[in-house]
Amino acid sequence: MELGLRDKVAVVTGGGSGIGAAICRQLAHEGVRVVIADIDMEAANRVAEEINEGGGRAMPAHVDVGNAQSVERLFADTVAEWGGLNLAVNNAGIHGIRNPTGSYPIEEWQRVTNVNLNGVFYCMKHEINAMLECGGGSIVNVSSILGTVALPLTAAYTAAKHGVVGLTKAAAIEYARFGIRINVIGPGWIDTPLVAEVQQAASYLKRMDSLQPMGRRGKPEEVAGLACFLLSSQASFITGSYHAVDGAYTSH
C-alpha cells in the first residue's frame, strides 16, 4: 500500500537503533527524506549510511532530547537543510533503574522524566511550529504499554509514559483544525536494545516472554508499520488516539 509520503521531510528521534531505526528505514523506503536524530552519532551515522547506500535520503543529526537547546538546534538545522518539516516521530527514551517508589532516587526520577516526557514536549514544541509553517503535518509519539498500565519498580518510566499519552491528546485537540495530527503508540515487549538493557536476568526475560499471548516478543518492524501508517494520509481522520502494539499483552 502506497502511503503517499514521497518527498516529505521527517525527523525521528532515537533513530539510531531499535524501533527508531526501523521507522527510519521504512520511511526512507516510502521516499521520505529522513533526519536520523540520536544522542549516539555513531549509530545515527550507521543507519543514515545504510539508507543512503540503498538509494534513500537520510541525514544523521545529534540531539539530546532532554536538553531544550539541543532540540531547538535540531529543528533549526532540519528546516535550514530541507526547507521544512512534515512528519515527526518522538521515539527517544530511556528506562532508568528499577526501585520502589518510596526509595526512588530523586536524581533518577528527574533524569528519566526529563528524557521521556520533557524531551517529547521539547520536540513537539518545535515540530508543531515548523508544521504550521508548512500547512500541516503529522506527529507520532512513542509511549509504551506502560503509558496505560504499570509494572512495579518503574515509577518514573510509567509516570513519564502516561504523561506522553496525555500530552498527545491535549496537543491533538489544540491543532486538529490546523491540519496537524498527533497520535501515540504503545509498544509492548519488543526485541530492541532498550528492552535487552532492562532484562538483566535471563530468568526475568523468560518469565516476561511466558506472559506474551502471542508467545513471543514483537519486532521493531511491526511497530514501524503502524507508525508509518499513522503518519500517512491513509490515517487522515485519526488523531489524539493511543494505539497499542503489544500482541494483546495489555488485554489480559
Protein backbone atom coordinates (compact mmCIF):
# COMPACT_ATOMS: atom_id res chain seq x y z
CA MET A 1 0.00 0.00 0.00
CA GLU A 2 1.46 3.34 -1.06
CA LEU A 3 1.38 5.74 1.87
CA GLY A 4 1.80 8.90 -0.19
CA LEU A 5 4.78 10.16 1.79
CA ARG A 6 7.28 10.65 -1.02
CA ASP A 7 9.48 13.76 -0.67
CA LYS A 8 8.13 14.59 2.79
CA VAL A 9 10.65 15.57 5.47
CA ALA A 10 10.69 13.62 8.73
CA VAL A 11 12.63 13.76 11.98
CA VAL A 12 12.89 10.56 14.02
CA THR A 13 14.47 10.85 17.48
CA GLY A 14 16.22 7.77 18.79
CA GLY A 15 16.59 6.85 15.13
CA GLY A 16 19.92 5.10 15.51
CA SER A 17 18.65 1.77 16.82
CA GLY A 18 15.66 -0.42 17.61
CA ILE A 19 12.21 0.90 16.82
CA GLY A 20 13.56 4.28 15.69
CA ALA A 21 15.91 2.73 13.15
CA ALA A 22 13.12 0.51 11.80
CA ILE A 23 10.89 3.56 11.36
CA CYS A 24 13.69 5.45 9.57
CA ARG A 25 14.21 2.56 7.16
CA GLN A 26 10.52 2.22 6.38
CA LEU A 27 10.06 5.97 5.87
CA ALA A 28 13.06 6.05 3.55
CA HIS A 29 11.55 3.14 1.60
CA GLU A 30 8.45 5.32 1.15
CA GLY A 31 10.59 8.11 -0.34
CA VAL A 32 10.73 10.29 2.75
CA ARG A 33 13.78 12.46 3.47
CA VAL A 34 14.68 11.31 6.99
CA VAL A 35 16.65 13.06 9.72
CA ILE A 36 18.02 10.35 11.98
CA ALA A 37 18.40 12.13 15.30
CA ASP A 38 20.17 10.39 18.16
CA ILE A 39 22.47 11.10 21.07
CA ASP A 40 24.68 8.32 19.68
CA MET A 41 26.14 9.76 16.47
CA GLU A 42 27.88 6.53 15.57
CA ALA A 43 24.53 4.76 15.49
CA ALA A 44 22.83 7.60 13.59
CA ASN A 45 25.62 7.64 11.00
CA ARG A 46 25.39 3.89 10.56
CA VAL A 47 21.64 3.94 9.81
CA ALA A 48 21.99 7.01 7.54
CA GLU A 49 24.76 5.34 5.53
CA GLU A 50 22.67 2.20 5.14
CA ILE A 51 19.69 4.21 3.85
CA ASN A 52 21.73 6.39 1.51
CA GLU A 53 23.62 3.42 0.08
CA GLY A 54 20.24 1.79 -0.62
CA GLY A 55 19.06 4.77 -2.65
CA GLY A 56 17.16 6.60 0.09
CA ARG A 57 17.77 10.04 1.53
CA ALA A 58 18.86 10.36 5.15
CA MET A 59 20.80 12.81 7.27
CA PRO A 60 22.25 11.95 10.70
CA ALA A 61 21.92 14.56 13.45
CA HIS A 62 22.97 14.75 17.06
CA VAL A 63 20.32 15.52 19.67
CA ASP A 64 19.96 15.21 23.41
CA VAL A 65 16.17 15.38 23.76
CA GLY A 66 16.48 16.20 27.45
CA ASN A 67 18.25 19.44 26.54
CA ALA A 68 15.92 22.12 25.18
CA GLN A 69 18.71 23.95 23.36
CA SER A 70 19.89 20.78 21.65
CA VAL A 71 16.34 20.11 20.45
CA GLU A 72 15.96 23.66 19.16
CA ARG A 73 19.18 23.30 17.12
CA LEU A 74 17.98 20.01 15.65
CA PHE A 75 14.84 21.51 14.18
CA ALA A 76 16.51 24.73 13.07
CA ASP A 77 19.11 22.68 11.19
CA THR A 78 16.44 20.42 9.67
CA VAL A 79 14.41 23.33 8.30
CA ALA A 80 17.57 25.05 7.03
CA GLU A 81 18.73 21.89 5.25
CA TRP A 82 15.47 20.60 3.79
CA GLY A 83 13.16 23.61 3.81
CA GLY A 84 10.55 22.48 6.30
CA LEU A 85 9.12 19.64 8.35
CA ASN A 86 6.13 17.43 7.56
CA LEU A 87 6.49 14.37 9.80
CA ALA A 88 7.98 13.55 13.18
CA VAL A 89 8.38 10.53 15.42
CA ASN A 90 9.35 11.22 19.02
CA ASN A 91 10.87 7.88 19.93
CA ALA A 92 13.97 8.59 22.06
CA GLY A 93 13.73 7.22 25.57
CA ILE A 94 15.50 5.56 28.48
CA HIS A 95 14.41 3.03 31.11
CA GLY A 96 16.09 4.11 34.32
CA ILE A 97 16.66 1.98 37.40
CA ARG A 98 14.10 -0.35 38.98
CA ASN A 99 13.27 0.74 42.52
CA PRO A 100 10.23 1.06 44.82
CA THR A 101 8.58 4.47 44.66
CA GLY A 102 9.32 5.30 48.30
CA SER A 103 13.05 4.90 47.79
CA TYR A 104 13.29 6.04 44.17
CA PRO A 105 16.25 8.46 43.91
CA ILE A 106 15.16 11.99 43.06
CA GLU A 107 18.05 12.44 40.64
CA GLU A 108 16.99 9.32 38.73
CA TRP A 109 13.35 10.45 38.68
CA GLN A 110 14.44 13.74 37.14
CA ARG A 111 16.73 12.04 34.60
CA VAL A 112 14.07 9.61 33.36
CA THR A 113 11.19 12.08 33.23
CA ASN A 114 13.38 14.71 31.60
CA VAL A 115 14.17 12.45 28.65
CA ASN A 116 10.92 10.51 28.38
CA LEU A 117 8.41 13.31 28.97
CA ASN A 118 10.12 16.71 28.83
CA GLY A 119 12.02 15.56 25.74
CA VAL A 120 8.78 14.79 23.91
CA PHE A 121 7.41 18.22 24.84
CA TYR A 122 10.58 20.00 23.70
CA CYS A 123 10.41 18.21 20.34
CA MET A 124 6.68 18.75 19.84
CA LYS A 125 7.01 22.48 20.53
CA HIS A 126 9.35 22.90 17.55
CA GLU A 127 7.67 20.29 15.37
CA ILE A 128 4.28 21.95 15.68
CA ASN A 129 5.61 25.40 14.84
CA ALA A 130 7.55 24.08 11.83
CA MET A 131 4.49 22.18 10.61
CA LEU A 132 2.28 25.24 10.94
CA GLU A 133 4.66 26.97 8.52
CA CYS A 134 4.19 24.06 6.07
CA GLY A 135 0.40 24.00 6.32
CA GLY A 136 0.13 20.87 8.48
CA GLY A 137 1.81 17.62 9.29
CA SER A 138 1.71 14.50 11.40
CA ILE A 139 3.42 13.51 14.65
CA VAL A 140 3.68 10.09 16.26
CA ASN A 141 4.83 9.91 19.87
CA VAL A 142 6.23 6.64 21.17
CA SER A 143 4.93 5.86 24.64
CA SER A 144 4.72 2.28 25.89
CA ILE A 145 2.27 -0.25 27.26
CA LEU A 146 3.29 1.45 30.50
CA GLY A 147 1.50 4.52 29.19
CA THR A 148 -1.77 2.83 30.14
CA VAL A 149 -0.83 0.14 32.69
CA ALA A 150 2.03 -0.22 35.17
CA LEU A 151 4.74 -2.51 36.40
CA PRO A 152 6.17 -2.34 39.93
CA LEU A 153 9.54 -0.64 40.41
CA THR A 154 9.07 1.60 37.34
CA ALA A 155 7.53 4.74 38.84
CA ALA A 156 9.48 7.29 36.79
CA TYR A 157 9.20 5.42 33.49
CA THR A 158 5.49 4.66 33.96
CA ALA A 159 4.65 8.21 35.02
CA ALA A 160 6.54 9.70 32.07
CA LYS A 161 4.94 7.34 29.55
CA HIS A 162 1.45 8.06 30.93
CA GLY A 163 2.35 11.73 30.58
CA VAL A 164 3.22 11.28 26.90
CA VAL A 165 -0.27 9.87 26.27
CA GLY A 166 -1.88 12.86 27.98
CA LEU A 167 0.38 15.35 26.18
CA THR A 168 -0.52 13.77 22.85
CA LYS A 169 -4.25 14.04 23.48
CA ALA A 170 -4.08 17.66 24.63
CA ALA A 171 -2.00 18.79 21.65
CA ALA A 172 -4.11 16.81 19.18
CA ILE A 173 -7.21 18.73 20.24
CA GLU A 174 -5.40 22.06 20.01
CA TYR A 175 -4.06 21.56 16.48
CA ALA A 176 -6.69 19.38 14.77
CA ARG A 177 -8.13 22.40 12.93
CA PHE A 178 -4.67 23.39 11.72
CA GLY A 179 -4.03 20.20 9.80
CA ILE A 180 -1.65 18.67 12.33
CA ARG A 181 -2.47 15.16 13.51
CA ILE A 182 -0.82 13.83 16.67
CA ASN A 183 -1.08 10.21 17.78
CA VAL A 184 0.72 7.97 20.25
CA ILE A 185 1.73 4.34 20.07
CA GLY A 186 2.38 1.96 22.94
CA PRO A 187 4.88 -0.76 22.10
CA GLY A 188 4.92 -3.79 24.36
CA TRP A 189 7.83 -6.19 24.72
CA ILE A 190 9.74 -5.55 21.51
CA ASP A 191 13.13 -7.05 20.65
CA THR A 192 15.23 -3.89 20.95
CA PRO A 193 18.45 -2.89 22.74
CA LEU A 194 16.35 -0.90 25.24
CA VAL A 195 14.36 -3.98 26.28
CA ALA A 196 17.52 -6.07 26.42
CA GLU A 197 19.08 -3.43 28.67
CA VAL A 198 16.33 -3.72 31.28
CA GLN A 199 16.24 -7.52 31.17
CA GLN A 200 19.36 -8.11 33.22
CA ALA A 201 18.48 -11.65 34.26
CA ALA A 202 17.74 -14.41 31.77
CA SER A 203 15.12 -15.77 34.18
CA TYR A 204 13.25 -12.44 34.14
CA LEU A 205 13.33 -12.33 30.35
CA LYS A 206 12.00 -15.89 30.18
CA ARG A 207 9.19 -15.04 32.61
CA MET A 208 8.15 -11.97 30.61
CA ASP A 209 8.18 -13.98 27.38
CA SER A 210 5.86 -16.52 29.00
CA LEU A 211 3.30 -13.74 29.61
CA GLN A 212 3.02 -12.85 25.92
CA PRO A 213 -0.31 -14.12 24.48
CA MET A 214 1.35 -14.49 21.07
CA GLY A 215 4.20 -16.46 22.62
CA ARG A 216 6.93 -14.09 21.51
CA ARG A 217 8.24 -10.56 21.68
CA GLY A 218 7.44 -8.13 18.86
CA LYS A 219 9.82 -6.97 16.17
CA PRO A 220 10.78 -3.31 15.61
CA GLU A 221 9.42 -3.54 12.05
CA GLU A 222 5.98 -4.41 13.43
CA VAL A 223 5.93 -1.15 15.36
CA ALA A 224 7.35 0.80 12.41
CA GLY A 225 4.49 -0.30 10.19
CA LEU A 226 1.92 1.26 12.49
CA ALA A 227 3.93 4.44 13.00
CA CYS A 228 4.30 4.99 9.26
CA PHE A 229 0.60 4.34 8.67
CA LEU A 230 -0.35 6.91 11.31
CA LEU A 231 1.99 9.45 9.72
CA SER A 232 0.38 8.97 6.32
CA SER A 233 -2.77 10.35 4.72
CA GLN A 234 -4.23 6.84 5.00
CA ALA A 235 -4.86 7.81 8.64
CA SER A 236 -6.26 11.26 7.82
CA PHE A 237 -9.13 11.07 10.35
CA ILE A 238 -7.06 9.58 13.17
CA THR A 239 -5.69 12.00 15.74
CA GLY A 240 -5.40 12.14 19.51
CA SER A 241 -5.51 8.37 19.84
CA TYR A 242 -3.41 5.71 21.57
CA HIS A 243 -2.54 2.52 19.70
CA ALA A 244 -1.02 -0.47 21.50
CA VAL A 245 1.44 -2.69 19.65
CA ASP A 246 1.74 -5.41 22.25
CA GLY A 247 0.48 -8.74 20.95
CA ALA A 248 -2.52 -8.49 23.34
CA TYR A 249 -0.30 -8.19 26.43
CA THR A 250 -2.49 -5.45 27.95
CA SER A 251 -5.68 -7.37 27.09
CA HIS A 252 -5.16 -9.81 29.99
